[in-house]
Amino acid sequence: MPQKSANSKSKSREETEWYATSEGRRQTQREFERALRKGTLVHSSGSRIPRTNPDVLKALMELAKTNATRPVSIRLSIADIELAKAIASKRGTGYQTVLKEAIRHGLKRTG
């Protein structure tokens, strides 16, 4: 296997660092979305993973969204917070966990 010169290592490192920037991540995201739309997602020749099915990928993205969180700010009554803290201390969990579970349960019930 031919050895890489110091110059090619430097270029490789620069390219790696560029992909780590926000501009590089945005470009990668655009290329990925374009390939997903066209159905041209491919794998490397060394990979034994079959070609990605776009429907499977979409399902995986939806699953990832269910586990992902986003910080929000919400005003609650002091009584509701104290009730959540009381429930949390009985369960041995945090009160914010109790609030998230109550919101999730309420959304499922109404939806």
C-alpha atoms as a PDB file:
ATOM      1  CA  MET A   1       0.000   0.000   0.000  1.00  0.00           C
ATOM      2  CA  PRO A   2       1.551   3.344  -0.995  1.00  0.00           C
ATOM      3  CA  GLN A   3       2.296   5.703   1.814  1.00  0.00           C
ATOM      4  CA  LYS A   4       0.609   9.070   1.873  1.00  0.00           C
ATOM      5  CA  SER A   5       2.766  12.098   1.680  1.00  0.00           C
ATOM      6  CA  ALA A   6       2.657  14.743   4.396  1.00  0.00           C
ATOM      7  CA  ASN A   7       0.886  17.078   1.942  1.00  0.00           C
ATOM      8  CA  SER A   8      -1.976  14.624   1.323  1.00  0.00           C
ATOM      9  CA  LYS A   9      -2.304  14.019   5.069  1.00  0.00           C
ATOM     10  CA  SER A  10      -2.587  17.765   5.569  1.00  0.00           C
ATOM     11  CA  LYS A  11      -5.293  18.034   2.901  1.00  0.00           C
ATOM     12  CA  SER A  12      -7.146  15.111   4.428  1.00  0.00           C
ATOM     13  CA  ARG A  13      -7.024  16.745   7.858  1.00  0.00           C
ATOM     14  CA  GLU A  14      -8.229  20.066   6.430  1.00  0.00           C
ATOM     15  CA  GLU A  15     -11.135  18.311   4.745  1.00  0.00           C
ATOM     16  CA  THR A  16     -12.005  16.494   7.965  1.00  0.00           C
ATOM     17  CA  GLU A  17     -11.920  19.751   9.899  1.00  0.00           C
ATOM     18  CA  TRP A  18     -14.112  21.447   7.271  1.00  0.00           C
ATOM     19  CA  TYR A  19     -16.774  18.745   7.615  1.00  0.00           C
ATOM     20  CA  ALA A  20     -16.750  19.378  11.371  1.00  0.00           C
ATOM     21  CA  THR A  21     -17.719  23.038  10.848  1.00  0.00           C
ATOM     22  CA  SER A  22     -21.353  24.139  10.722  1.00  0.00           C
ATOM     23  CA  GLU A  23     -20.980  24.859   6.987  1.00  0.00           C
ATOM     24  CA  GLY A  24     -19.638  21.355   6.385  1.00  0.00           C
ATOM     25  CA  ARG A  25     -22.456  19.779   8.399  1.00  0.00           C
ATOM     26  CA  ARG A  26     -25.060  21.800   6.459  1.00  0.00           C
ATOM     27  CA  GLN A  27     -23.516  20.722   3.148  1.00  0.00           C
ATOM     28  CA  THR A  28     -23.518  17.083   4.242  1.00  0.00           C
ATOM     29  CA  GLN A  29     -27.169  17.375   5.310  1.00  0.00           C
ATOM     30  CA  ARG A  30     -28.127  18.910   1.935  1.00  0.00           C
ATOM     31  CA  GLU A  31     -26.319  16.142   0.046  1.00  0.00           C
ATOM     32  CA  PHE A  32     -27.963  13.478   2.184  1.00  0.00           C
ATOM     33  CA  GLU A  33     -31.455  14.947   1.680  1.00  0.00           C
ATOM     34  CA  ARG A  34     -30.859  15.254  -2.077  1.00  0.00           C
ATOM     35  CA  ALA A  35     -29.773  11.599  -2.297  1.00  0.00           C
ATOM     36  CA  LEU A  36     -32.747  10.547  -0.169  1.00  0.00           C
ATOM     37  CA  ARG A  37     -35.174  12.358  -2.492  1.00  0.00           C
ATOM     38  CA  LYS A  38     -33.549  10.888  -5.601  1.00  0.00           C
ATOM     39  CA  GLY A  39     -33.328   7.417  -4.083  1.00  0.00           C
ATOM     40  CA  THR A  40     -29.590   7.296  -4.750  1.00  0.00           C
ATOM     41  CA  LEU A  41     -28.299   6.601  -1.252  1.00  0.00           C
ATOM     42  CA  VAL A  42     -25.453   4.158  -1.677  1.00  0.00           C
ATOM     43  CA  HIS A  43     -23.085   2.270   0.543  1.00  0.00           C
ATOM     44  CA  SER A  44     -19.374   1.808   0.266  1.00  0.00           C
ATOM     45  CA  SER A  45     -18.028  -1.223  -1.585  1.00  0.00           C
ATOM     46  CA  GLY A  46     -16.648  -2.598   1.654  1.00  0.00           C
ATOM     47  CA  SER A  47     -19.995  -2.505   3.420  1.00  0.00           C
ATOM     48  CA  ARG A  48     -22.241  -5.538   3.485  1.00  0.00           C
ATOM     49  CA  ILE A  49     -25.273  -3.470   4.367  1.00  0.00           C
ATOM     50  CA  PRO A  50     -27.871  -3.497   1.598  1.00  0.00           C
ATOM     51  CA  ARG A  51     -29.000  -0.270  -0.061  1.00  0.00           C
ATOM     52  CA  THR A  52     -30.998   1.920   2.277  1.00  0.00           C
ATOM     53  CA  ASN A  53     -34.747   1.799   1.763  1.00  0.00           C
ATOM     54  CA  PRO A  54     -36.061   5.393   2.016  1.00  0.00           C
ATOM     55  CA  ASP A  55     -39.218   4.228   3.824  1.00  0.00           C
ATOM     56  CA  VAL A  56     -37.136   2.451   6.449  1.00  0.00           C
ATOM     57  CA  LEU A  57     -34.975   5.534   6.846  1.00  0.00           C
ATOM     58  CA  LYS A  58     -38.037   7.757   7.328  1.00  0.00           C
ATOM     59  CA  ALA A  59     -39.398   5.353   9.959  1.00  0.00           C
ATOM     60  CA  LEU A  60     -36.055   5.420  11.780  1.00  0.00           C
ATOM     61  CA  MET A  61     -36.048   9.236  11.725  1.00  0.00           C
ATOM     62  CA  GLU A  62     -39.553   9.308  13.241  1.00  0.00           C
ATOM     63  CA  LEU A  63     -38.442   6.861  15.918  1.00  0.00           C
ATOM     64  CA  ALA A  64     -35.440   9.056  16.691  1.00  0.00           C
ATOM     65  CA  LYS A  65     -37.755  12.056  17.093  1.00  0.00           C
ATOM     66  CA  THR A  66     -39.771  10.243  19.783  1.00  0.00           C
ATOM     67  CA  ASN A  67     -36.640   9.870  21.896  1.00  0.00           C
ATOM     68  CA  ALA A  68     -35.150  13.287  21.166  1.00  0.00           C
ATOM     69  CA  THR A  69     -35.916  16.204  23.453  1.00  0.00           C
ATOM     70  CA  ARG A  70     -36.021  19.970  23.062  1.00  0.00           C
ATOM     71  CA  PRO A  71     -35.889  22.412  25.969  1.00  0.00           C
ATOM     72  CA  VAL A  72     -39.075  24.430  26.451  1.00  0.00           C
ATOM     73  CA  SER A  73     -40.229  27.006  28.932  1.00  0.00           C
ATOM     74  CA  ILE A  74     -43.719  26.713  30.364  1.00  0.00           C
ATOM     75  CA  ARG A  75     -45.477  28.417  33.263  1.00  0.00           C
ATOM     76  CA  LEU A  76     -47.212  26.043  35.669  1.00  0.00           C
ATOM     77  CA  SER A  77     -49.118  26.699  38.831  1.00  0.00           C
ATOM     78  CA  ILE A  78     -47.228  26.222  42.069  1.00  0.00           C
ATOM     79  CA  ALA A  79     -49.825  23.656  43.143  1.00  0.00           C
ATOM     80  CA  ASP A  80     -49.178  21.539  40.016  1.00  0.00           C
ATOM     81  CA  ILE A  81     -45.427  21.671  40.571  1.00  0.00           C
ATOM     82  CA  GLU A  82     -45.788  20.683  44.232  1.00  0.00           C
ATOM     83  CA  LEU A  83     -48.094  17.810  43.262  1.00  0.00           C
ATOM     84  CA  ALA A  84     -45.564  16.630  40.667  1.00  0.00           C
ATOM     85  CA  LYS A  85     -42.797  16.808  43.277  1.00  0.00           C
ATOM     86  CA  ALA A  86     -44.904  14.777  45.745  1.00  0.00           C
ATOM     87  CA  ILE A  87     -45.590  12.115  43.118  1.00  0.00           C
ATOM     88  CA  ALA A  88     -41.921  12.103  42.127  1.00  0.00           C
ATOM     89  CA  SER A  89     -40.729  11.581  45.704  1.00  0.00           C
ATOM     90  CA  LYS A  90     -43.087   8.582  46.077  1.00  0.00           C
ATOM     91  CA  ARG A  91     -41.789   7.087  42.818  1.00  0.00           C
ATOM     92  CA  GLY A  92     -38.174   7.971  43.420  1.00  0.00           C
ATOM     93  CA  THR A  93     -37.893   9.981  40.188  1.00  0.00           C
ATOM     94  CA  GLY A  94     -37.547  13.636  39.321  1.00  0.00           C
ATOM     95  CA  TYR A  95     -40.567  15.911  39.164  1.00  0.00           C
ATOM     96  CA  GLN A  96     -39.746  16.959  35.602  1.00  0.00           C
ATOM     97  CA  THR A  97     -39.981  13.303  34.590  1.00  0.00           C
ATOM     98  CA  VAL A  98     -43.417  13.147  36.188  1.00  0.00           C
ATOM     99  CA  LEU A  99     -44.479  16.276  34.279  1.00  0.00           C
ATOM    100  CA  LYS A 100     -43.195  14.891  30.953  1.00  0.00           C
ATOM    101  CA  GLU A 101     -45.045  11.609  31.512  1.00  0.00           C
ATOM    102  CA  ALA A 102     -48.262  13.486  32.382  1.00  0.00           C
ATOM    103  CA  ILE A 103     -47.993  15.613  29.247  1.00  0.00           C
ATOM    104  CA  ARG A 104     -47.279  12.563  27.069  1.00  0.00           C
ATOM    105  CA  HIS A 105     -50.202  10.642  28.595  1.00  0.00           C
ATOM    106  CA  GLY A 106     -52.550  13.601  28.128  1.00  0.00           C
ATOM    107  CA  LEU A 107     -51.491  14.084  24.503  1.00  0.00           C
ATOM    108  CA  LYS A 108     -52.035  10.411  23.690  1.00  0.00           C
ATOM    109  CA  ARG A 109     -55.452  10.468  25.367  1.00  0.00           C
ATOM    110  CA  THR A 110     -56.661  13.558  23.500  1.00  0.00           C
ATOM    111  CA  GLY A 111     -55.039  12.662  20.162  1.00  0.00           C
END
